[in-house]
N, C-alpha and C. Protein backbone atom coordinates (compact mmCIF):
# COMPACT_ATOMS: atom_id res chain seq x y z
N UNK A 1 24.10 -16.13 4.87
CA UNK A 1 23.11 -15.03 4.57
C UNK A 1 23.00 -14.85 3.02
N UNK A 2 22.11 -14.39 2.34
CA UNK A 2 21.73 -14.14 1.09
C UNK A 2 21.70 -12.20 1.21
N UNK A 3 23.34 -12.28 0.17
CA UNK A 3 23.37 -11.03 -0.14
C UNK A 3 21.87 -10.18 -1.33
N UNK A 4 21.59 -9.11 -1.02
CA UNK A 4 20.77 -8.11 -1.90
C UNK A 4 21.60 -7.28 -2.72
N UNK A 5 21.32 -6.95 -3.58
CA UNK A 5 21.63 -5.89 -4.37
C UNK A 5 21.58 -4.43 -3.86
N UNK A 6 22.07 -3.57 -3.56
CA UNK A 6 21.98 -2.35 -3.47
C UNK A 6 20.59 -1.76 -4.64
N UNK A 7 20.09 -1.15 -4.31
CA UNK A 7 18.85 -0.61 -5.23
C UNK A 7 19.20 0.24 -6.38
N UNK A 8 18.91 0.42 -7.18
CA UNK A 8 19.30 1.44 -8.81
C UNK A 8 19.13 2.84 -8.74
N UNK A 9 20.10 3.50 -9.43
CA UNK A 9 19.53 4.35 -9.09
C UNK A 9 18.46 4.92 -9.55
N UNK A 10 17.14 4.11 -10.61
CA UNK A 10 16.01 4.22 -11.28
C UNK A 10 15.23 4.23 -9.82
N UNK A 11 15.81 3.06 -8.76
CA UNK A 11 14.83 2.71 -8.26
C UNK A 11 15.06 3.64 -7.14
N UNK A 12 16.18 4.50 -6.15
CA UNK A 12 16.52 5.65 -5.68
C UNK A 12 15.17 6.64 -6.20
N UNK A 13 15.65 7.06 -7.23
CA UNK A 13 14.83 7.74 -7.84
C UNK A 13 12.68 7.96 -7.77
N UNK A 14 12.81 6.58 -8.07
CA UNK A 14 11.75 6.54 -7.84
C UNK A 14 10.31 6.45 -6.37
N UNK A 15 11.16 5.65 -5.57
CA UNK A 15 11.07 5.91 -3.90
C UNK A 15 11.40 7.53 -3.91
N UNK A 16 12.15 8.33 -4.39
CA UNK A 16 12.13 9.43 -3.58
C UNK A 16 10.64 10.49 -4.07
N UNK A 17 10.07 10.12 -5.84
CA UNK A 17 9.18 10.60 -6.22
C UNK A 17 8.16 10.15 -5.36
N UNK A 18 7.91 8.36 -4.79
CA UNK A 18 6.92 8.29 -4.14
C UNK A 18 6.07 9.04 -2.58
N UNK A 19 7.92 9.55 -1.93
CA UNK A 19 8.07 9.98 -0.58
C UNK A 19 7.22 11.22 -1.00
N UNK A 20 7.79 12.06 -2.03
CA UNK A 20 7.32 13.58 -2.43
C UNK A 20 5.82 13.62 -2.52
N UNK A 21 5.37 12.33 -3.23
CA UNK A 21 4.15 12.70 -3.49
C UNK A 21 3.22 12.11 -2.34
N UNK A 22 3.87 11.38 -1.61
CA UNK A 22 3.05 10.62 -0.19
C UNK A 22 2.84 12.15 0.50
N UNK A 23 3.87 12.85 0.69
CA UNK A 23 4.13 13.99 2.30
C UNK A 23 3.37 14.85 1.44
N UNK A 24 2.89 14.99 -0.14
CA UNK A 24 2.05 16.31 -0.76
C UNK A 24 1.04 15.87 -0.08
N UNK A 25 0.08 14.63 0.04
CA UNK A 25 -1.08 14.32 0.18
C UNK A 25 -1.71 14.42 1.96
N UNK A 26 -0.45 14.66 2.74
CA UNK A 26 -0.94 15.17 4.11
C UNK A 26 -1.62 16.09 5.08
N UNK A 27 -2.67 15.58 5.26
CA UNK A 27 -3.60 16.54 5.97
C UNK A 27 -5.01 16.87 4.66
N UNK A 28 -5.19 16.10 3.36
CA UNK A 28 -6.04 16.05 2.27
C UNK A 28 -7.28 15.17 3.55
N UNK A 29 -8.67 15.06 3.04
CA UNK A 29 -9.54 14.56 4.13
C UNK A 29 -10.58 14.01 2.49
N UNK A 30 -11.31 13.31 3.24
CA UNK A 30 -12.04 12.46 2.16
C UNK A 30 -13.35 12.98 3.09
N UNK A 31 -14.40 13.55 2.69
CA UNK A 31 -15.90 13.43 4.16
C UNK A 31 -16.79 14.11 3.84
N UNK A 32 -18.23 13.71 3.98
CA UNK A 32 -19.37 14.02 3.79
C UNK A 32 -19.50 12.63 2.75
N UNK A 33 -19.88 12.93 1.21
CA UNK A 33 -20.13 11.68 0.60
C UNK A 33 -19.20 10.72 0.64
N UNK A 34 -18.05 10.64 1.21
CA UNK A 34 -17.41 9.83 0.22
C UNK A 34 -17.86 8.15 0.68
N UNK A 35 -17.26 7.65 -0.29
CA UNK A 35 -17.80 5.76 0.09
C UNK A 35 -17.01 4.68 -0.82
N UNK A 36 -16.44 4.04 0.40
CA UNK A 36 -14.96 3.57 -0.09
C UNK A 36 -15.02 2.45 -1.14
N UNK A 37 -16.77 2.38 -1.43
CA UNK A 37 -16.75 1.42 -2.91
C UNK A 37 -17.12 1.82 -3.59
N UNK A 38 -17.71 3.17 -4.02
CA UNK A 38 -17.98 4.01 -4.77
C UNK A 38 -17.37 5.05 -5.53
N UNK A 39 -16.98 5.84 -4.32
CA UNK A 39 -16.05 7.09 -4.85
C UNK A 39 -15.42 6.69 -5.79
N UNK A 40 -14.59 7.84 -6.78
CA UNK A 40 -13.04 8.01 -7.90
C UNK A 40 -12.48 7.78 -6.42
N UNK A 41 -11.18 7.11 -7.07
CA UNK A 41 -9.66 7.26 -6.50
C UNK A 41 -9.33 8.84 -6.40
N UNK A 42 -8.88 9.30 -4.83
CA UNK A 42 -9.00 10.03 -4.20
C UNK A 42 -7.51 10.35 -3.40
N UNK A 43 -6.99 11.88 -2.69
CA UNK A 43 -6.33 11.73 -2.15
C UNK A 43 -5.81 10.52 -1.07
N UNK A 44 -6.74 9.90 -0.29
CA UNK A 44 -6.58 9.22 0.93
C UNK A 44 -6.68 7.84 0.04
N UNK A 45 -6.20 7.42 -1.01
CA UNK A 45 -5.73 6.11 -1.50
C UNK A 45 -4.89 6.17 -1.43
N UNK A 46 -3.28 6.59 -0.67
CA UNK A 46 -2.56 7.36 -0.53
C UNK A 46 -1.15 6.20 -1.33
N UNK A 47 -1.42 5.48 -1.43
CA UNK A 47 -0.49 4.11 -2.12
C UNK A 47 -0.46 4.50 -3.56
N UNK A 48 -2.45 4.52 -4.19
CA UNK A 48 -2.23 4.39 -5.56
C UNK A 48 -1.95 5.71 -5.92
N UNK A 49 -2.30 7.31 -5.20
CA UNK A 49 -1.65 7.99 -6.03
C UNK A 49 -0.63 8.62 -5.92
N UNK A 50 0.20 7.87 -5.01
CA UNK A 50 1.51 7.95 -4.92
C UNK A 50 2.40 6.95 -6.26
N UNK A 51 1.06 5.91 -6.39
CA UNK A 51 2.93 5.28 -7.37
C UNK A 51 1.52 5.71 -9.15
N UNK A 52 1.10 6.49 -9.23
CA UNK A 52 0.49 6.31 -10.12
C UNK A 52 1.80 7.24 -11.17
N UNK A 53 1.10 6.99 -12.24
CA UNK A 53 0.48 6.33 -13.23
C UNK A 53 1.00 4.98 -13.16
N UNK A 54 2.24 4.20 -12.70
CA UNK A 54 2.73 2.70 -12.98
C UNK A 54 2.01 2.03 -12.34
N UNK A 55 1.47 2.02 -11.57
CA UNK A 55 1.06 1.32 -10.59
C UNK A 55 -1.13 0.83 -11.07
N UNK A 56 -1.35 2.05 -11.32
CA UNK A 56 -2.67 1.65 -11.84
C UNK A 56 -2.56 1.07 -13.39
N UNK A 57 -1.56 1.32 -14.04
CA UNK A 57 -1.84 0.62 -15.40
C UNK A 57 -0.95 -0.89 -15.10
N UNK A 58 -0.20 -1.32 -14.53
CA UNK A 58 0.53 -2.42 -13.87
C UNK A 58 -0.48 -3.33 -13.22
N UNK A 59 -1.54 -2.76 -12.38
CA UNK A 59 -2.55 -3.50 -11.97
C UNK A 59 -4.03 -4.13 -13.07
N UNK A 60 -3.91 -2.85 -13.60
CA UNK A 60 -4.78 -3.44 -14.87
C UNK A 60 -4.29 -4.17 -15.71
N UNK A 61 -3.22 -4.08 -16.26
CA UNK A 61 -2.54 -5.10 -17.01
C UNK A 61 -2.35 -6.68 -16.59
N UNK A 62 -2.05 -6.54 -15.19
CA UNK A 62 -2.13 -7.77 -14.28
C UNK A 62 -3.41 -8.50 -14.55
N UNK A 63 -4.48 -7.66 -14.06
CA UNK A 63 -6.14 -7.92 -14.69
C UNK A 63 -6.06 -8.64 -15.63
N UNK A 64 -5.71 -8.10 -17.05
CA UNK A 64 -5.87 -8.87 -17.75
C UNK A 64 -5.38 -10.72 -17.97
N UNK A 65 -4.63 -10.72 -17.15
CA UNK A 65 -3.21 -11.76 -17.05
C UNK A 65 -4.00 -12.75 -16.12
N UNK A 66 -4.90 -12.52 -15.07
CA UNK A 66 -5.05 -13.37 -14.04
C UNK A 66 -6.46 -12.67 -14.04
N UNK A 67 -7.42 -12.74 -14.40
CA UNK A 67 -8.97 -12.29 -14.17
C UNK A 67 -9.34 -12.86 -12.83
N UNK A 68 -8.98 -14.04 -13.19
CA UNK A 68 -10.17 -15.38 -12.41
C UNK A 68 -9.76 -15.28 -10.71
N UNK A 69 -8.05 -14.40 -10.48
CA UNK A 69 -7.17 -15.02 -9.56
C UNK A 69 -7.72 -13.66 -8.81
N UNK A 70 -8.43 -11.83 -9.76
CA UNK A 70 -8.50 -11.28 -8.77
C UNK A 70 -10.26 -11.63 -8.46
N UNK A 71 -10.68 -12.26 -9.23
CA UNK A 71 -12.34 -12.07 -9.14
C UNK A 71 -12.35 -13.16 -7.81
N UNK A 72 -11.78 -13.87 -7.86
CA UNK A 72 -11.40 -14.93 -6.48
C UNK A 72 -11.19 -14.45 -5.33
N UNK A 73 -10.64 -13.35 -5.00
CA UNK A 73 -10.19 -12.20 -3.70
C UNK A 73 -11.60 -11.38 -3.66
N UNK A 74 -12.02 -10.86 -4.19
CA UNK A 74 -13.18 -9.82 -4.25
C UNK A 74 -14.55 -10.00 -4.92
N UNK A 75 -14.62 -11.32 -5.48
CA UNK A 75 -16.10 -11.73 -6.24
C UNK A 75 -15.96 -11.43 -7.93
N UNK A 76 -17.13 -11.67 -8.00
CA UNK A 76 -17.42 -11.22 -10.02
C UNK A 76 -17.44 -9.63 -10.16
N UNK A 77 -17.57 -8.73 -9.57
CA UNK A 77 -17.37 -7.31 -9.65
C UNK A 77 -16.47 -7.35 -9.76
N UNK A 78 -15.21 -7.72 -9.29
CA UNK A 78 -13.81 -7.15 -8.76
C UNK A 78 -12.90 -7.06 -10.01
N UNK A 79 -12.85 -5.86 -10.66
CA UNK A 79 -12.41 -5.54 -12.01
C UNK A 79 -11.95 -4.12 -11.99
N UNK A 80 -11.22 -4.07 -12.80
CA UNK A 80 -10.53 -2.42 -12.99
C UNK A 80 -12.57 -1.54 -13.16
N UNK A 81 -12.99 -2.21 -13.93
CA UNK A 81 -14.24 -1.19 -14.06
C UNK A 81 -15.28 -0.02 -12.61
N UNK A 82 -14.95 -0.97 -11.47
CA UNK A 82 -14.88 -0.56 -10.32
C UNK A 82 -14.02 0.16 -9.46
N UNK A 83 -14.44 1.49 -8.87
CA UNK A 83 -13.32 2.15 -8.85
C UNK A 83 -12.66 1.80 -7.07
N UNK A 84 -13.68 1.28 -6.33
CA UNK A 84 -12.64 -0.40 -5.47
C UNK A 84 -11.87 -0.97 -5.75
N UNK A 85 -11.77 -1.94 -6.93
CA UNK A 85 -10.86 -2.53 -7.29
C UNK A 85 -9.69 -2.26 -7.33
N UNK A 86 -9.56 -0.33 -7.06
CA UNK A 86 -7.99 -0.12 -7.10
C UNK A 86 -7.43 0.08 -5.93
N UNK A 87 -8.28 0.30 -4.97
CA UNK A 87 -8.43 1.12 -3.89
C UNK A 87 -8.09 -0.56 -2.88
N UNK A 88 -8.42 -1.50 -3.07
CA UNK A 88 -8.12 -2.74 -2.97
C UNK A 88 -7.03 -3.02 -1.82
N UNK A 89 -6.72 -3.13 -1.20
CA UNK A 89 -5.31 -3.47 -0.38
C UNK A 89 -4.85 -4.85 -0.99
N UNK A 90 -6.16 -6.06 -0.61
CA UNK A 90 -5.49 -7.43 -1.33
C UNK A 90 -5.66 -7.05 -3.02
N UNK A 91 -6.44 -6.55 -3.67
CA UNK A 91 -5.64 -6.53 -4.87
C UNK A 91 -4.41 -5.68 -5.27
N UNK A 92 -3.68 -4.65 -4.54
CA UNK A 92 -2.62 -4.55 -4.65
C UNK A 92 -2.14 -5.64 -4.07
N UNK A 93 -2.02 -5.95 -3.47
CA UNK A 93 -0.96 -7.04 -2.61
C UNK A 93 -0.96 -7.96 -3.73
N UNK A 94 -2.20 -8.46 -4.34
CA UNK A 94 -1.80 -9.63 -4.96
C UNK A 94 -0.70 -8.68 -6.19
N UNK A 95 -1.44 -7.93 -6.57
CA UNK A 95 -0.27 -7.95 -8.00
C UNK A 95 0.75 -7.66 -7.36
N UNK A 96 1.41 -7.13 -6.49
CA UNK A 96 2.40 -7.21 -6.10
C UNK A 96 3.14 -8.19 -6.16
N UNK A 97 2.72 -9.46 -5.30
CA UNK A 97 2.93 -10.71 -5.31
C UNK A 97 3.70 -11.03 -6.63
N UNK A 98 2.66 -11.00 -6.98
CA UNK A 98 2.80 -11.57 -8.81
C UNK A 98 4.07 -11.25 -9.73
N UNK A 99 3.93 -9.86 -9.27
CA UNK A 99 5.29 -9.00 -10.46
C UNK A 99 6.69 -9.02 -9.33
N UNK A 100 6.49 -9.98 -8.07
CA UNK A 100 7.62 -10.30 -7.24
C UNK A 100 8.34 -8.47 -6.76
N UNK A 101 7.43 -8.15 -6.31
CA UNK A 101 7.79 -6.89 -5.28
C UNK A 101 7.76 -7.20 -3.64
N UNK A 102 6.12 -7.93 -3.78
CA UNK A 102 6.15 -7.77 -1.96
C UNK A 102 6.98 -8.94 -1.30
N UNK A 103 6.91 -7.69 0.18
CA UNK A 103 7.83 -8.62 0.79
C UNK A 103 7.22 -8.54 1.98
N UNK A 104 7.30 -9.65 2.79
CA UNK A 104 6.56 -9.91 4.07
C UNK A 104 7.50 -9.48 5.32
N UNK A 105 6.78 -9.01 6.19
CA UNK A 105 7.48 -7.98 7.44
C UNK A 105 8.57 -9.31 8.09
N UNK A 106 9.92 -9.00 8.18
CA UNK A 106 10.60 -9.74 8.92
C UNK A 106 11.66 -10.50 7.91
N UNK A 107 11.41 -10.37 6.64
CA UNK A 107 11.99 -10.80 5.28
C UNK A 107 12.93 -9.70 4.95
N UNK A 108 13.94 -10.44 4.54
CA UNK A 108 14.81 -9.69 3.25
C UNK A 108 14.26 -9.05 1.50
N UNK A 109 15.14 -8.40 1.14
CA UNK A 109 15.28 -6.81 1.93
C UNK A 109 14.44 -6.40 3.20
N UNK A 110 15.36 -5.69 3.54
CA UNK A 110 14.22 -4.89 4.31
C UNK A 110 13.89 -3.14 4.16
N UNK A 111 12.89 -2.89 4.77
CA UNK A 111 11.90 -1.87 4.20
C UNK A 111 12.98 -0.53 4.23
N UNK A 112 12.44 -0.11 2.89
CA UNK A 112 13.18 1.32 3.02
C UNK A 112 12.18 2.56 2.38
N UNK A 113 12.41 4.12 3.39
CA UNK A 113 11.57 4.83 2.36
C UNK A 113 11.20 4.99 1.09
N UNK A 114 9.92 4.90 1.11
CA UNK A 114 9.58 5.12 -0.32
C UNK A 114 8.81 4.29 -0.85
N UNK A 115 9.19 2.83 0.40
CA UNK A 115 8.17 1.71 -0.50
C UNK A 115 6.62 2.11 0.42
N UNK A 116 5.67 1.20 -0.68
CA UNK A 116 4.68 0.86 0.15
C UNK A 116 4.58 -0.59 1.34
N UNK A 117 3.80 -0.05 2.52
CA UNK A 117 3.46 -0.81 3.73
C UNK A 117 1.87 -1.49 3.87
N UNK A 118 2.19 -2.25 4.39
CA UNK A 118 0.76 -2.89 4.35
C UNK A 118 0.04 -3.41 5.70
N UNK A 119 -1.08 -3.09 6.15
CA UNK A 119 -1.19 -3.08 7.31
C UNK A 119 -2.45 -4.07 7.80
N UNK A 120 -2.59 -4.89 8.42
CA UNK A 120 -3.77 -6.57 8.57
C UNK A 120 -4.56 -6.25 10.28
N UNK A 121 -5.44 -5.61 10.60
CA UNK A 121 -6.08 -5.10 11.65
C UNK A 121 -6.16 -6.27 12.81
N UNK A 122 -6.36 -7.77 12.22
CA UNK A 122 -6.89 -8.96 12.36
C UNK A 122 -5.41 -9.71 12.82
N UNK A 123 -4.95 -10.44 13.29
CA UNK A 123 -3.86 -11.14 13.40
C UNK A 123 -4.65 -12.46 13.30
N UNK A 124 -4.50 -12.59 11.13
CA UNK A 124 -4.53 -13.68 10.53
C UNK A 124 -3.33 -14.25 10.30
N UNK A 125 -2.38 -13.88 10.56
CA UNK A 125 -1.04 -14.81 10.22
C UNK A 125 -0.12 -13.67 9.05
N UNK A 126 1.12 -13.77 9.16
CA UNK A 126 2.50 -12.80 8.31
C UNK A 126 2.00 -13.87 6.50
N UNK A 127 1.45 -14.81 6.40
CA UNK A 127 1.40 -15.68 4.90
C UNK A 127 0.23 -15.22 4.54
N UNK A 128 -0.94 -15.49 5.51
CA UNK A 128 -2.39 -15.48 5.22
C UNK A 128 -3.09 -14.68 5.45
N UNK A 129 -2.98 -13.67 4.98
CA UNK A 129 -3.79 -12.12 5.07
C UNK A 129 -4.15 -11.60 4.37
N UNK A 130 -5.44 -11.43 4.50
CA UNK A 130 -6.45 -10.00 4.08
C UNK A 130 -5.74 -8.56 4.57
N UNK A 131 -5.16 -7.78 3.46
CA UNK A 131 -4.48 -6.55 4.58
C UNK A 131 -5.57 -5.87 4.38
N UNK A 132 -6.01 -4.83 5.33
CA UNK A 132 -6.73 -3.70 5.24
C UNK A 132 -6.54 -2.32 5.00
N UNK A 133 -5.43 -1.94 4.82
CA UNK A 133 -5.00 -0.47 4.18
C UNK A 133 -3.38 -0.85 4.16
N UNK A 134 -2.86 0.27 3.61
CA UNK A 134 -2.00 0.80 3.02
C UNK A 134 -1.35 1.60 2.78
N UNK A 135 0.03 1.83 2.69
CA UNK A 135 0.67 3.58 3.27
C UNK A 135 1.78 3.37 2.69
N UNK A 136 2.56 4.23 3.31
CA UNK A 136 4.09 5.09 2.24
C UNK A 136 4.53 5.17 3.14
N UNK A 137 6.30 4.44 3.74
CA UNK A 137 6.70 4.26 4.08
C UNK A 137 7.46 5.81 4.41
N UNK A 138 7.88 6.51 5.18
CA UNK A 138 8.21 7.51 5.37
C UNK A 138 10.20 7.94 5.67
N UNK A 139 9.69 6.74 6.88
CA UNK A 139 11.29 6.71 7.41
C UNK A 139 11.84 5.43 8.12
N UNK A 140 12.90 4.49 8.00
CA UNK A 140 13.35 3.63 8.42
C UNK A 140 14.25 4.00 9.48
N UNK A 141 14.04 3.06 11.20
CA UNK A 141 14.99 2.94 12.22
C UNK A 141 15.69 1.86 12.19
N UNK A 142 17.20 1.43 12.19
CA UNK A 142 17.11 0.35 13.04
C UNK A 142 16.46 -0.95 12.21
N UNK A 143 16.40 -1.25 11.21
CA UNK A 143 15.45 -2.05 10.16
C UNK A 143 13.92 -2.15 10.24
N UNK A 144 13.02 -1.16 10.75
CA UNK A 144 12.48 -0.54 11.15
C UNK A 144 11.41 -0.01 10.36
N UNK A 145 10.25 -0.20 10.02
CA UNK A 145 9.12 1.26 9.50
C UNK A 145 9.18 1.85 10.74
N UNK A 146 9.57 3.23 11.01
CA UNK A 146 9.50 4.31 12.13
C UNK A 146 8.07 5.46 11.76
N UNK A 147 8.26 5.68 10.31
CA UNK A 147 7.10 6.70 9.55
C UNK A 147 6.40 6.48 9.03
N UNK A 148 5.07 6.48 8.57
CA UNK A 148 4.15 6.69 7.34
C UNK A 148 3.55 7.40 7.32
N UNK A 149 2.88 7.61 5.88
CA UNK A 149 1.67 8.70 5.22
C UNK A 149 0.89 7.13 4.77
N UNK A 150 -0.31 7.52 5.65
CA UNK A 150 -1.53 6.34 5.37
C UNK A 150 -2.58 7.23 5.50
N UNK A 151 -4.17 6.74 4.99
CA UNK A 151 -5.28 7.43 5.61
C UNK A 151 -5.73 6.56 6.71
N UNK A 152 -6.74 7.19 7.68
CA UNK A 152 -7.24 6.81 8.84
C UNK A 152 -8.69 7.35 8.59
N UNK A 153 -9.49 6.69 8.70
CA UNK A 153 -10.88 7.13 9.71
C UNK A 153 -11.08 8.08 10.13
N UNK A 154 -11.99 8.88 9.88
CA UNK A 154 -12.02 9.83 11.32
C UNK A 154 -14.11 10.12 11.07
N UNK A 155 -14.37 9.42 12.30
CA UNK A 155 -15.53 9.47 11.82
C UNK A 155 -16.74 8.13 11.11
N UNK A 156 -17.71 8.17 11.02
CA UNK A 156 -18.44 7.15 10.03
C UNK A 156 -18.56 7.14 8.81
N UNK A 157 -18.08 8.46 8.13
CA UNK A 157 -17.57 8.67 6.62
C UNK A 157 -16.67 9.72 6.24
N UNK A 158 -15.55 9.92 7.09
CA UNK A 158 -14.40 10.64 6.84
C UNK A 158 -13.05 10.17 6.70
N UNK A 159 -12.15 10.26 5.91
CA UNK A 159 -10.98 9.59 6.05
C UNK A 159 -9.88 10.92 5.77
N UNK A 160 -9.00 10.55 6.24
CA UNK A 160 -7.88 11.96 6.06
C UNK A 160 -6.54 11.21 5.93
N UNK A 161 -5.71 12.13 5.53
CA UNK A 161 -4.20 11.34 5.38
C UNK A 161 -3.47 12.22 6.20
N UNK A 162 -2.26 10.81 6.94
CA UNK A 162 -2.15 11.55 8.31
C UNK A 162 -0.71 10.96 8.32
N UNK A 163 0.57 11.63 8.83
CA UNK A 163 2.13 11.04 8.31
C UNK A 163 2.64 10.81 10.30
N UNK A 164 2.06 9.58 10.21
CA UNK A 164 2.19 8.95 11.52
C UNK A 164 3.32 8.23 12.17
N UNK A 165 4.04 8.58 13.25
CA UNK A 165 5.12 7.50 13.88
C UNK A 165 4.66 6.04 13.94
N UNK A 166 5.42 5.21 13.92
CA UNK A 166 5.47 4.03 14.12
C UNK A 166 6.39 3.94 15.38
N UNK A 167 5.60 3.53 16.50
CA UNK A 167 5.92 3.16 17.82
C UNK A 167 6.08 1.68 17.77
N UNK A 168 7.37 1.63 18.21
CA UNK A 168 7.59 0.37 18.53
C UNK A 168 6.37 -0.83 19.53
N UNK A 169 5.86 -1.46 19.13
CA UNK A 169 4.52 -2.46 20.11
C UNK A 169 3.18 -1.88 20.01
N UNK A 170 3.11 -0.54 19.31
CA UNK A 170 2.05 0.20 19.00
C UNK A 170 1.39 -0.57 17.72
N UNK A 171 -0.14 0.19 18.00
CA UNK A 171 -1.05 -0.64 17.30
C UNK A 171 -0.48 -0.70 15.75
N UNK A 172 -0.06 0.10 15.04
CA UNK A 172 0.51 0.26 13.38
C UNK A 172 1.71 -0.62 13.48
N UNK A 173 2.64 -0.55 14.36
CA UNK A 173 3.64 -1.79 14.10
C UNK A 173 3.16 -3.37 14.02
N UNK A 174 2.02 -3.57 15.36
CA UNK A 174 1.66 -5.06 15.48
C UNK A 174 1.14 -5.56 14.60
N UNK A 175 0.59 -4.38 13.24
CA UNK A 175 -0.81 -4.40 12.45
C UNK A 175 0.33 -4.84 11.24
N UNK A 176 1.59 -4.19 10.95
CA UNK A 176 2.61 -3.84 9.73
C UNK A 176 2.80 -5.54 9.15
N UNK A 177 2.44 -5.65 8.13
CA UNK A 177 2.42 -7.58 8.07
C UNK A 177 3.40 -7.56 6.39
N UNK A 178 4.36 -6.36 5.95
CA UNK A 178 4.85 -6.58 4.82
C UNK A 178 4.82 -5.13 4.09
N UNK A 179 5.65 -5.12 3.10
CA UNK A 179 6.03 -4.02 2.66
C UNK A 179 6.57 -4.28 0.97
N UNK A 180 7.00 -3.16 0.18
CA UNK A 180 7.01 -3.24 -1.35
C UNK A 180 7.43 -2.28 -1.98
N UNK A 181 8.22 -2.74 -2.88
CA UNK A 181 8.80 -1.23 -3.89
C UNK A 181 7.73 -0.99 -4.71
N UNK A 182 7.18 -0.28 -5.28
CA UNK A 182 6.07 -0.05 -6.54
C UNK A 182 6.81 0.21 -7.98
N UNK A 183 6.04 -0.26 -8.72
CA UNK A 183 6.55 -0.47 -10.38
C UNK A 183 7.03 1.28 -10.83
């Protein structure tokens, strides 16, 4: 069995900051004219907002190093000039994998409060997937993600940030495909 070092005090402080930022977003809604492709980054972009400013900066720098990789994921317009670039869970996971942060579900180290988590609504496999959305882990029990903050659709064009329990075998539990520390 491979031993994983304990997180540094700086990593633990970063996770605590991310949890605090995510909790502050709970209850915030984007409604009316919200457009997932065109609207500015806002509270419903839980991981991007909770991980700011380092996350946005990191993904922009990574785009400069791997422009073709990002364009392969989302087409020729998939650039930091577009708001959806930062909203895309596919782009986020691509960056986190390249940075060595991403952990597929069931791998070690296990999830921890303050990590980002990723959900795939269609069962496309643990290693070949396109995540549909992301959130922040609030609580872990017995090695499982037990509570998250994420944004959920409410109606045709409304989204609300929720703190939600992830029950074993639930839709959220089954859709969870991985997690990651944020830079």
